[in-house]
C-alpha atoms as a PDB file:
ATOM      1  CA  UNK A   1      95.899-166.887 -55.118  1.00  0.00           C
ATOM      2  CA  UNK A   2      97.608-165.065 -57.984  1.00  0.00           C
ATOM      3  CA  UNK A   3      97.835-166.627 -61.445  1.00  0.00           C
ATOM      4  CA  UNK A   4     101.520-167.303 -62.131  1.00  0.00           C
ATOM      5  CA  UNK A   5     102.066-169.794 -64.894  1.00  0.00           C
ATOM      6  CA  UNK A   6     103.808-169.252 -68.199  1.00  0.00           C
ATOM      7  CA  UNK A   7     102.169-170.281 -71.442  1.00  0.00           C
ATOM      8  CA  UNK A   8     102.644-173.986 -71.990  1.00  0.00           C
ATOM      9  CA  UNK A   9     104.722-174.772 -75.087  1.00  0.00           C
ATOM     10  CA  UNK A  10     103.089-176.936 -77.769  1.00  0.00           C
ATOM     11  CA  UNK A  11     106.098-179.288 -77.780  1.00  0.00           C
ATOM     12  CA  UNK A  12     105.645-180.242 -74.121  1.00  0.00           C
ATOM     13  CA  UNK A  13     104.758-183.888 -73.637  1.00  0.00           C
ATOM     14  CA  UNK A  14     101.648-184.774 -71.724  1.00  0.00           C
ATOM     15  CA  UNK A  15     103.799-185.925 -68.803  1.00  0.00           C
ATOM     16  CA  UNK A  16     105.841-182.719 -68.813  1.00  0.00           C
ATOM     17  CA  UNK A  17     102.719-180.580 -68.954  1.00  0.00           C
ATOM     18  CA  UNK A  18     101.146-182.492 -66.085  1.00  0.00           C
ATOM     19  CA  UNK A  19     104.317-182.064 -64.032  1.00  0.00           C
ATOM     20  CA  UNK A  20     104.412-178.332 -64.770  1.00  0.00           C
ATOM     21  CA  UNK A  21     100.775-177.887 -63.766  1.00  0.00           C
ATOM     22  CA  UNK A  22     101.271-179.875 -60.576  1.00  0.00           C
ATOM     23  CA  UNK A  23     104.196-177.664 -59.549  1.00  0.00           C
ATOM     24  CA  UNK A  24     102.248-174.486 -60.278  1.00  0.00           C
ATOM     25  CA  UNK A  25      99.157-175.690 -58.419  1.00  0.00           C
ATOM     26  CA  UNK A  26     101.200-176.793 -55.398  1.00  0.00           C
ATOM     27  CA  UNK A  27     102.917-173.391 -55.286  1.00  0.00           C
ATOM     28  CA  UNK A  28      99.484-171.745 -55.342  1.00  0.00           C
ATOM     29  CA  UNK A  29      98.407-173.758 -52.291  1.00  0.00           C
ATOM     30  CA  UNK A  30      95.850-175.920 -54.096  1.00  0.00           C
ATOM     31  CA  UNK A  31      94.914-178.911 -51.958  1.00  0.00           C
ATOM     32  CA  UNK A  32      95.156-181.658 -54.596  1.00  0.00           C
ATOM     33  CA  UNK A  33      97.613-180.312 -57.196  1.00  0.00           C
ATOM     34  CA  UNK A  34      98.357-183.605 -58.965  1.00  0.00           C
ATOM     35  CA  UNK A  35      94.706-184.583 -59.282  1.00  0.00           C
ATOM     36  CA  UNK A  36      93.654-181.166 -60.558  1.00  0.00           C
ATOM     37  CA  UNK A  37      96.531-181.159 -63.036  1.00  0.00           C
ATOM     38  CA  UNK A  38      95.442-184.501 -64.451  1.00  0.00           C
ATOM     39  CA  UNK A  39      91.789-183.495 -64.661  1.00  0.00           C
ATOM     40  CA  UNK A  40      92.520-180.227 -66.469  1.00  0.00           C
ATOM     41  CA  UNK A  41      95.025-181.837 -68.821  1.00  0.00           C
ATOM     42  CA  UNK A  42      92.516-184.477 -69.879  1.00  0.00           C
ATOM     43  CA  UNK A  43      89.750-181.894 -70.260  1.00  0.00           C
ATOM     44  CA  UNK A  44      91.877-179.527 -72.350  1.00  0.00           C
ATOM     45  CA  UNK A  45      93.126-182.285 -74.648  1.00  0.00           C
ATOM     46  CA  UNK A  46      89.785-184.062 -74.855  1.00  0.00           C
ATOM     47  CA  UNK A  47      91.260-187.370 -73.724  1.00  0.00           C
ATOM     48  CA  UNK A  48      90.499-189.905 -71.002  1.00  0.00           C
ATOM     49  CA  UNK A  49      92.757-190.836 -68.118  1.00  0.00           C
ATOM     50  CA  UNK A  50      93.696-194.110 -69.821  1.00  0.00           C
ATOM     51  CA  UNK A  51      94.854-192.162 -72.894  1.00  0.00           C
ATOM     52  CA  UNK A  52      97.147-190.167 -70.654  1.00  0.00           C
ATOM     53  CA  UNK A  53      98.676-193.365 -69.299  1.00  0.00           C
ATOM     54  CA  UNK A  54      98.966-195.062 -72.687  1.00  0.00           C
ATOM     55  CA  UNK A  55     100.605-192.176 -74.533  1.00  0.00           C
ATOM     56  CA  UNK A  56     102.397-189.965 -71.989  1.00  0.00           C
ATOM     57  CA  UNK A  57     105.136-188.783 -74.378  1.00  0.00           C
ATOM     58  CA  UNK A  58     102.785-187.305 -76.971  1.00  0.00           C
ATOM     59  CA  UNK A  59     103.069-183.523 -77.381  1.00  0.00           C
ATOM     60  CA  UNK A  60     100.151-181.468 -76.126  1.00  0.00           C
ATOM     61  CA  UNK A  61     100.052-179.404 -79.319  1.00  0.00           C
ATOM     62  CA  UNK A  62      98.287-176.067 -78.849  1.00  0.00           C
ATOM     63  CA  UNK A  63      98.744-175.352 -75.162  1.00  0.00           C
ATOM     64  CA  UNK A  64      96.608-172.183 -75.089  1.00  0.00           C
ATOM     65  CA  UNK A  65      93.456-173.904 -73.840  1.00  0.00           C
ATOM     66  CA  UNK A  66      95.321-175.791 -71.129  1.00  0.00           C
ATOM     67  CA  UNK A  67      97.159-172.636 -70.044  1.00  0.00           C
ATOM     68  CA  UNK A  68      93.867-170.729 -69.799  1.00  0.00           C
ATOM     69  CA  UNK A  69      92.267-173.456 -67.690  1.00  0.00           C
ATOM     70  CA  UNK A  70      95.306-173.636 -65.425  1.00  0.00           C
ATOM     71  CA  UNK A  71      95.250-169.895 -64.828  1.00  0.00           C
ATOM     72  CA  UNK A  72      91.578-170.067 -63.864  1.00  0.00           C
ATOM     73  CA  UNK A  73      92.389-172.783 -61.325  1.00  0.00           C
ATOM     74  CA  UNK A  74      95.325-170.860 -59.867  1.00  0.00           C
ATOM     75  CA  UNK A  75      93.089-167.799 -59.581  1.00  0.00           C
ATOM     76  CA  UNK A  76      90.821-169.787 -57.265  1.00  0.00           C
ATOM     77  CA  UNK A  77      88.051-171.121 -59.498  1.00  0.00           C
ATOM     78  CA  UNK A  78      87.023-174.601 -58.287  1.00  0.00           C
ATOM     79  CA  UNK A  79      87.925-177.499 -60.529  1.00  0.00           C
ATOM     80  CA  UNK A  80      84.276-178.568 -60.822  1.00  0.00           C
ATOM     81  CA  UNK A  81      83.303-175.087 -62.018  1.00  0.00           C
ATOM     82  CA  UNK A  82      86.027-175.115 -64.658  1.00  0.00           C
ATOM     83  CA  UNK A  83      85.033-178.556 -65.899  1.00  0.00           C
ATOM     84  CA  UNK A  84      81.330-177.810 -65.529  1.00  0.00           C
ATOM     85  CA  UNK A  85      80.767-181.196 -63.939  1.00  0.00           C
ATOM     86  CA  UNK A  86      80.780-182.852 -60.523  1.00  0.00           C
ATOM     87  CA  UNK A  87      80.655-186.485 -59.467  1.00  0.00           C
ATOM     88  CA  UNK A  88      78.242-187.047 -56.588  1.00  0.00           C
ATOM     89  CA  UNK A  89      77.305-190.431 -55.162  1.00  0.00           C
ATOM     90  CA  UNK A  90      79.013-192.082 -58.127  1.00  0.00           C
ATOM     91  CA  UNK A  91      76.897-190.133 -60.628  1.00  0.00           C
ATOM     92  CA  UNK A  92      77.888-187.365 -63.033  1.00  0.00           C
ATOM     93  CA  UNK A  93      76.135-183.999 -62.771  1.00  0.00           C
ATOM     94  CA  UNK A  94      76.422-180.925 -64.963  1.00  0.00           C
ATOM     95  CA  UNK A  95      76.928-177.663 -63.083  1.00  0.00           C
ATOM     96  CA  UNK A  96      76.133-174.064 -63.957  1.00  0.00           C
ATOM     97  CA  UNK A  97      76.615-170.793 -62.066  1.00  0.00           C
ATOM     98  CA  UNK A  98      72.960-171.095 -60.986  1.00  0.00           C
ATOM     99  CA  UNK A  99      73.498-174.174 -58.792  1.00  0.00           C
ATOM    100  CA  UNK A 100      75.465-175.097 -55.713  1.00  0.00           C
ATOM    101  CA  UNK A 101      78.488-177.321 -56.263  1.00  0.00           C
ATOM    102  CA  UNK A 102      77.475-180.497 -54.354  1.00  0.00           C
ATOM    103  CA  UNK A 103      80.126-181.485 -51.824  1.00  0.00           C
ATOM    104  CA  UNK A 104      81.067-185.024 -50.731  1.00  0.00           C
ATOM    105  CA  UNK A 105      79.912-184.251 -47.163  1.00  0.00           C
ATOM    106  CA  UNK A 106      76.349-183.982 -48.458  1.00  0.00           C
ATOM    107  CA  UNK A 107      76.437-187.667 -49.435  1.00  0.00           C
ATOM    108  CA  UNK A 108      75.681-188.493 -45.781  1.00  0.00           C
ATOM    109  CA  UNK A 109      72.263-186.882 -46.325  1.00  0.00           C
ATOM    110  CA  UNK A 110      71.609-189.462 -49.044  1.00  0.00           C
ATOM    111  CA  UNK A 111      72.981-192.295 -46.888  1.00  0.00           C
ATOM    112  CA  UNK A 112      70.824-191.316 -43.915  1.00  0.00           C
ATOM    113  CA  UNK A 113      67.668-191.077 -46.033  1.00  0.00           C
ATOM    114  CA  UNK A 114      68.295-194.432 -47.708  1.00  0.00           C
ATOM    115  CA  UNK A 115      68.945-196.111 -44.353  1.00  0.00           C
ATOM    116  CA  UNK A 116      65.687-194.713 -42.982  1.00  0.00           C
ATOM    117  CA  UNK A 117      63.797-196.031 -46.024  1.00  0.00           C
ATOM    118  CA  UNK A 118      65.624-199.365 -46.266  1.00  0.00           C
ATOM    119  CA  UNK A 119      62.616-201.477 -45.328  1.00  0.00           C
ATOM    120  CA  UNK A 120      60.540-199.723 -48.021  1.00  0.00           C
ATOM    121  CA  UNK A 121      63.145-199.475 -50.787  1.00  0.00           C
ATOM    122  CA  UNK A 122      61.002-201.295 -53.377  1.00  0.00           C
ATOM    123  CA  UNK A 123      57.778-199.434 -52.646  1.00  0.00           C
ATOM    124  CA  UNK A 124      56.516-196.679 -54.990  1.00  0.00           C
ATOM    125  CA  UNK A 125      57.775-193.949 -52.693  1.00  0.00           C
ATOM    126  CA  UNK A 126      57.207-190.274 -53.382  1.00  0.00           C
ATOM    127  CA  UNK A 127      60.287-188.136 -52.677  1.00  0.00           C
ATOM    128  CA  UNK A 128      60.550-184.361 -52.355  1.00  0.00           C
ATOM    129  CA  UNK A 129      63.787-182.373 -52.612  1.00  0.00           C
ATOM    130  CA  UNK A 130      63.381-178.742 -51.527  1.00  0.00           C
ATOM    131  CA  UNK A 131      65.993-176.509 -53.147  1.00  0.00           C
ATOM    132  CA  UNK A 132      66.864-179.162 -55.707  1.00  0.00           C
ATOM    133  CA  UNK A 133      69.732-177.207 -57.300  1.00  0.00           C
ATOM    134  CA  UNK A 134      71.657-179.466 -59.679  1.00  0.00           C
ATOM    135  CA  UNK A 135      69.454-182.437 -58.808  1.00  0.00           C
ATOM    136  CA  UNK A 136      72.361-184.245 -57.133  1.00  0.00           C
ATOM    137  CA  UNK A 137      70.551-185.358 -53.967  1.00  0.00           C
ATOM    138  CA  UNK A 138      67.366-186.340 -55.777  1.00  0.00           C
ATOM    139  CA  UNK A 139      69.287-188.144 -58.506  1.00  0.00           C
ATOM    140  CA  UNK A 140      71.324-190.083 -55.953  1.00  0.00           C
ATOM    141  CA  UNK A 141      68.156-191.182 -54.131  1.00  0.00           C
ATOM    142  CA  UNK A 142      66.410-192.246 -57.342  1.00  0.00           C
ATOM    143  CA  UNK A 143      69.465-194.285 -58.339  1.00  0.00           C
ATOM    144  CA  UNK A 144      69.044-196.390 -55.204  1.00  0.00           C
ATOM    145  CA  UNK A 145      65.243-196.491 -55.012  1.00  0.00           C
ATOM    146  CA  UNK A 146      64.179-198.081 -58.314  1.00  0.00           C
ATOM    147  CA  UNK A 147      60.415-197.670 -57.877  1.00  0.00           C
ATOM    148  CA  UNK A 148      60.420-194.193 -56.340  1.00  0.00           C
ATOM    149  CA  UNK A 149      59.275-190.957 -57.987  1.00  0.00           C
ATOM    150  CA  UNK A 150      61.082-187.721 -57.137  1.00  0.00           C
ATOM    151  CA  UNK A 151      59.843-184.141 -57.192  1.00  0.00           C
ATOM    152  CA  UNK A 152      62.343-181.285 -57.004  1.00  0.00           C
ATOM    153  CA  UNK A 153      61.505-177.667 -56.192  1.00  0.00           C
ATOM    154  CA  UNK A 154      63.709-174.621 -56.606  1.00  0.00           C
ATOM    155  CA  UNK A 155      63.133-170.871 -56.675  1.00  0.00           C
ATOM    156  CA  UNK A 156      65.635-170.432 -59.512  1.00  0.00           C
ATOM    157  CA  UNK A 157      64.341-171.160 -63.003  1.00  0.00           C
ATOM    158  CA  UNK A 158      67.930-171.625 -64.190  1.00  0.00           C
ATOM    159  CA  UNK A 159      68.551-174.206 -61.448  1.00  0.00           C
ATOM    160  CA  UNK A 160      65.343-176.022 -62.383  1.00  0.00           C
ATOM    161  CA  UNK A 161      66.580-176.356 -65.954  1.00  0.00           C
ATOM    162  CA  UNK A 162      69.893-177.806 -64.778  1.00  0.00           C
ATOM    163  CA  UNK A 163      68.144-180.284 -62.480  1.00  0.00           C
ATOM    164  CA  UNK A 164      65.756-181.419 -65.203  1.00  0.00           C
ATOM    165  CA  UNK A 165      68.603-181.954 -67.658  1.00  0.00           C
ATOM    166  CA  UNK A 166      70.687-183.867 -65.118  1.00  0.00           C
ATOM    167  CA  UNK A 167      67.837-186.135 -64.073  1.00  0.00           C
ATOM    168  CA  UNK A 168      66.995-186.826 -67.710  1.00  0.00           C
ATOM    169  CA  UNK A 169      70.643-187.575 -68.527  1.00  0.00           C
ATOM    170  CA  UNK A 170      70.686-190.130 -65.702  1.00  0.00           C
ATOM    171  CA  UNK A 171      67.608-191.837 -67.135  1.00  0.00           C
ATOM    172  CA  UNK A 172      65.171-190.552 -64.524  1.00  0.00           C
ATOM    173  CA  UNK A 173      62.995-188.323 -66.727  1.00  0.00           C
ATOM    174  CA  UNK A 174      60.008-190.642 -66.323  1.00  0.00           C
ATOM    175  CA  UNK A 175      60.510-190.914 -62.558  1.00  0.00           C
ATOM    176  CA  UNK A 176      61.017-187.262 -61.723  1.00  0.00           C
ATOM    177  CA  UNK A 177      59.640-183.767 -62.122  1.00  0.00           C
ATOM    178  CA  UNK A 178      61.062-180.359 -61.264  1.00  0.00           C
ATOM    179  CA  UNK A 179      58.921-177.312 -60.528  1.00  0.00           C
ATOM    180  CA  UNK A 180      59.945-173.728 -59.994  1.00  0.00           C
ATOM    181  CA  UNK A 181      58.444-172.186 -56.870  1.00  0.00           C
ATOM    182  CA  UNK A 182      58.996-170.704 -53.439  1.00  0.00           C
ATOM    183  CA  UNK A 183      59.772-173.706 -51.250  1.00  0.00           C
ATOM    184  CA  UNK A 184      56.528-175.642 -50.609  1.00  0.00           C
ATOM    185  CA  UNK A 185      54.022-173.051 -51.862  1.00  0.00           C
ATOM    186  CA  UNK A 186      53.279-174.837 -55.175  1.00  0.00           C
ATOM    187  CA  UNK A 187      52.786-178.225 -53.470  1.00  0.00           C
ATOM    188  CA  UNK A 188      49.876-180.348 -52.326  1.00  0.00           C
ATOM    189  CA  UNK A 189      49.726-183.999 -51.339  1.00  0.00           C
ATOM    190  CA  UNK A 190      51.885-186.097 -49.052  1.00  0.00           C
ATOM    191  CA  UNK A 191      55.433-187.399 -49.457  1.00  0.00           C
ATOM    192  CA  UNK A 192      57.271-190.415 -48.068  1.00  0.00           C
ATOM    193  CA  UNK A 193      60.574-188.568 -47.746  1.00  0.00           C
ATOM    194  CA  UNK A 194      61.419-184.870 -47.755  1.00  0.00           C
ATOM    195  CA  UNK A 195      65.071-183.875 -48.093  1.00  0.00           C
ATOM    196  CA  UNK A 196      66.843-180.555 -48.352  1.00  0.00           C
ATOM    197  CA  UNK A 197      70.221-178.895 -48.269  1.00  0.00           C
ATOM    198  CA  UNK A 198      68.876-175.383 -47.638  1.00  0.00           C
ATOM    199  CA  UNK A 199      70.916-172.161 -47.386  1.00  0.00           C
ATOM    200  CA  UNK A 200      72.249-172.112 -43.820  1.00  0.00           C
ATOM    201  CA  UNK A 201      75.198-169.698 -43.730  1.00  0.00           C
ATOM    202  CA  UNK A 202      74.561-166.660 -41.539  1.00  0.00           C
ATOM    203  CA  UNK A 203      74.572-163.533 -43.705  1.00  0.00           C
ATOM    204  CA  UNK A 204      77.422-161.947 -41.782  1.00  0.00           C
ATOM    205  CA  UNK A 205      79.644-165.003 -42.241  1.00  0.00           C
ATOM    206  CA  UNK A 206      79.477-165.223 -46.027  1.00  0.00           C
ATOM    207  CA  UNK A 207      82.291-162.726 -46.539  1.00  0.00           C
ATOM    208  CA  UNK A 208      84.579-164.968 -44.494  1.00  0.00           C
ATOM    209  CA  UNK A 209      83.939-168.110 -46.529  1.00  0.00           C
ATOM    210  CA  UNK A 210      86.643-169.593 -48.725  1.00  0.00           C
ATOM    211  CA  UNK A 211      86.873-167.776 -52.041  1.00  0.00           C
ATOM    212  CA  UNK A 212      85.998-170.968 -53.926  1.00  0.00           C
ATOM    213  CA  UNK A 213      82.614-170.915 -52.174  1.00  0.00           C
ATOM    214  CA  UNK A 214      82.000-167.190 -51.725  1.00  0.00           C
ATOM    215  CA  UNK A 215      82.816-166.217 -55.302  1.00  0.00           C
ATOM    216  CA  UNK A 216      81.460-169.194 -57.225  1.00  0.00           C
ATOM    217  CA  UNK A 217      78.400-170.651 -55.466  1.00  0.00           C
ATOM    218  CA  UNK A 218      75.109-168.763 -55.981  1.00  0.00           C
ATOM    219  CA  UNK A 219      74.415-166.448 -53.015  1.00  0.00           C
ATOM    220  CA  UNK A 220      70.829-167.657 -52.739  1.00  0.00           C
ATOM    221  CA  UNK A 221      72.066-171.177 -52.034  1.00  0.00           C
ATOM    222  CA  UNK A 222      74.282-169.940 -49.182  1.00  0.00           C
ATOM    223  CA  UNK A 223      72.568-167.081 -47.338  1.00  0.00           C
ATOM    224  CA  UNK A 224      70.395-168.363 -44.502  1.00  0.00           C
ATOM    225  CA  UNK A 225      69.613-164.984 -42.941  1.00  0.00           C
ATOM    226  CA  UNK A 226      70.935-163.332 -39.810  1.00  0.00           C
ATOM    227  CA  UNK A 227      71.466-166.589 -37.890  1.00  0.00           C
ATOM    228  CA  UNK A 228      71.420-169.011 -40.815  1.00  0.00           C
ATOM    229  CA  UNK A 229      68.090-170.540 -39.755  1.00  0.00           C
ATOM    230  CA  UNK A 230      65.603-168.644 -41.928  1.00  0.00           C
ATOM    231  CA  UNK A 231      64.971-171.557 -44.288  1.00  0.00           C
ATOM    232  CA  UNK A 232      64.434-174.022 -41.435  1.00  0.00           C
ATOM    233  CA  UNK A 233      61.833-171.758 -39.833  1.00  0.00           C
ATOM    234  CA  UNK A 234      59.833-171.930 -43.056  1.00  0.00           C
ATOM    235  CA  UNK A 235      60.491-175.549 -43.932  1.00  0.00           C
ATOM    236  CA  UNK A 236      60.024-177.271 -40.579  1.00  0.00           C
ATOM    237  CA  UNK A 237      56.261-176.638 -40.284  1.00  0.00           C
ATOM    238  CA  UNK A 238      55.738-176.949 -44.041  1.00  0.00           C
ATOM    239  CA  UNK A 239      57.556-180.281 -44.241  1.00  0.00           C
ATOM    240  CA  UNK A 240      55.674-181.608 -41.230  1.00  0.00           C
ATOM    241  CA  UNK A 241      52.388-180.957 -43.015  1.00  0.00           C
ATOM    242  CA  UNK A 242      53.555-182.539 -46.280  1.00  0.00           C
ATOM    243  CA  UNK A 243      55.025-185.685 -44.724  1.00  0.00           C
ATOM    244  CA  UNK A 244      53.048-188.892 -44.920  1.00  0.00           C
ATOM    245  CA  UNK A 245      52.686-190.884 -41.686  1.00  0.00           C
ATOM    246  CA  UNK A 246      55.694-193.181 -41.521  1.00  0.00           C
ATOM    247  CA  UNK A 247      57.686-190.805 -43.727  1.00  0.00           C
ATOM    248  CA  UNK A 248      61.057-189.237 -42.988  1.00  0.00           C
ATOM    249  CA  UNK A 249      62.594-185.788 -43.257  1.00  0.00           C
ATOM    250  CA  UNK A 250      66.346-185.343 -43.688  1.00  0.00           C
ATOM    251  CA  UNK A 251      67.946-181.892 -43.762  1.00  0.00           C
ATOM    252  CA  UNK A 252      71.569-180.864 -43.926  1.00  0.00           C
ATOM    253  CA  UNK A 253      72.544-178.460 -41.124  1.00  0.00           C
ATOM    254  CA  UNK A 254      75.377-176.007 -40.642  1.00  0.00           C
ATOM    255  CA  UNK A 255      78.010-175.852 -37.928  1.00  0.00           C
ATOM    256  CA  UNK A 256      76.500-175.265 -34.494  1.00  0.00           C
ATOM    257  CA  UNK A 257      72.921-175.368 -35.791  1.00  0.00           C
ATOM    258  CA  UNK A 258      71.863-178.933 -35.024  1.00  0.00           C
ATOM    259  CA  UNK A 259      70.095-178.300 -31.719  1.00  0.00           C
ATOM    260  CA  UNK A 260      68.253-175.271 -33.076  1.00  0.00           C
ATOM    261  CA  UNK A 261      67.048-177.264 -36.076  1.00  0.00           C
ATOM    262  CA  UNK A 262      65.984-180.140 -33.812  1.00  0.00           C
ATOM    263  CA  UNK A 263      63.944-177.692 -31.733  1.00  0.00           C
ATOM    264  CA  UNK A 264      62.287-176.126 -34.795  1.00  0.00           C
ATOM    265  CA  UNK A 265      61.103-179.508 -36.072  1.00  0.00           C
ATOM    266  CA  UNK A 266      60.041-180.711 -32.620  1.00  0.00           C
ATOM    267  CA  UNK A 267      57.942-177.544 -32.233  1.00  0.00           C
ATOM    268  CA  UNK A 268      55.725-178.666 -35.122  1.00  0.00           C
ATOM    269  CA  UNK A 269      54.164-181.239 -32.809  1.00  0.00           C
ATOM    270  CA  UNK A 270      54.214-183.757 -35.647  1.00  0.00           C
ATOM    271  CA  UNK A 271      57.811-184.952 -35.529  1.00  0.00           C
ATOM    272  CA  UNK A 272      59.825-186.139 -32.581  1.00  0.00           C
ATOM    273  CA  UNK A 273      63.308-184.887 -31.741  1.00  0.00           C
ATOM    274  CA  UNK A 274      64.745-187.185 -34.381  1.00  0.00           C
ATOM    275  CA  UNK A 275      68.492-187.692 -34.563  1.00  0.00           C
ATOM    276  CA  UNK A 276      71.587-185.905 -35.803  1.00  0.00           C
ATOM    277  CA  UNK A 277      74.173-187.676 -37.972  1.00  0.00           C
ATOM    278  CA  UNK A 278      77.814-186.685 -38.124  1.00  0.00           C
ATOM    279  CA  UNK A 279      80.021-186.609 -41.202  1.00  0.00           C
ATOM    280  CA  UNK A 280      83.429-188.271 -41.513  1.00  0.00           C
ATOM    281  CA  UNK A 281      85.022-185.233 -39.888  1.00  0.00           C
ATOM    282  CA  UNK A 282      82.832-185.653 -36.809  1.00  0.00           C
ATOM    283  CA  UNK A 283      80.698-182.576 -37.524  1.00  0.00           C
ATOM    284  CA  UNK A 284      76.935-182.636 -37.027  1.00  0.00           C
ATOM    285  CA  UNK A 285      75.747-182.705 -40.621  1.00  0.00           C
ATOM    286  CA  UNK A 286      72.226-184.124 -41.023  1.00  0.00           C
ATOM    287  CA  UNK A 287      69.015-183.899 -39.012  1.00  0.00           C
ATOM    288  CA  UNK A 288      66.603-186.800 -39.609  1.00  0.00           C
ATOM    289  CA  UNK A 289      63.178-187.424 -38.089  1.00  0.00           C
ATOM    290  CA  UNK A 290      60.272-189.710 -38.788  1.00  0.00           C
ATOM    291  CA  UNK A 291      56.567-189.044 -38.602  1.00  0.00           C
ATOM    292  CA  UNK A 292      54.895-191.783 -36.652  1.00  0.00           C
ATOM    293  CA  UNK A 293      52.641-194.056 -38.661  1.00  0.00           C
END
């Protein structure tokens, strides 16, 4: 996409500016032009959506900030990256260039884990999120499991800082910890649930990803090696050893990888074949297995 939007005049009303942005975003092929226009307008003006409805005729004033944000969006920067925030599972998470932008499809990983733990939802469960990133998955689980404690691990110190800040902002500082390390190497003990959205894109396929992903998500959160399965080869046996009897593992998987991931976990001799859940688009999205009590 090529940035093609004139500077927005200060005298434009909020409604006129929103209409202009929507037209420009639609022409650039952006999937949700009206929504993105509203979000950027509110962010640039420092107002809420209700303010936009209550006072639509008010002039935007200095349009330089709004114009700059709009040009970033037209150039292909994701709206969540521009705003620095993402809603996930009804919760608000701060983003940085060091963390993956959590997608709505990943919410099925949270749903599957919660369903598997439903009978134990008020127990003092110990949760482990490998590759915690922004803390979105762990935060979502803690929001639904009021007596659980969550541990997040990430190789990126910058990602660990983001996760800690997000979990603290959600009120989970006393029920969570984040450590920087190489997957499970810094860990001992047993966990009731182990979750992960590991890097699973084959190295040779990264160049063909959408620009919003390829150019803005951290490469380390995408690149899964030659066949996309490198992380699973490490994590399957490690997770099997760290899982408490009766515990569950839930991992997001990439397109066409489900059977390979099932086989890697089954080969540990600790977990059964488990099951594969599909997302709303019908794609195999989550592998879940339980260790027998």
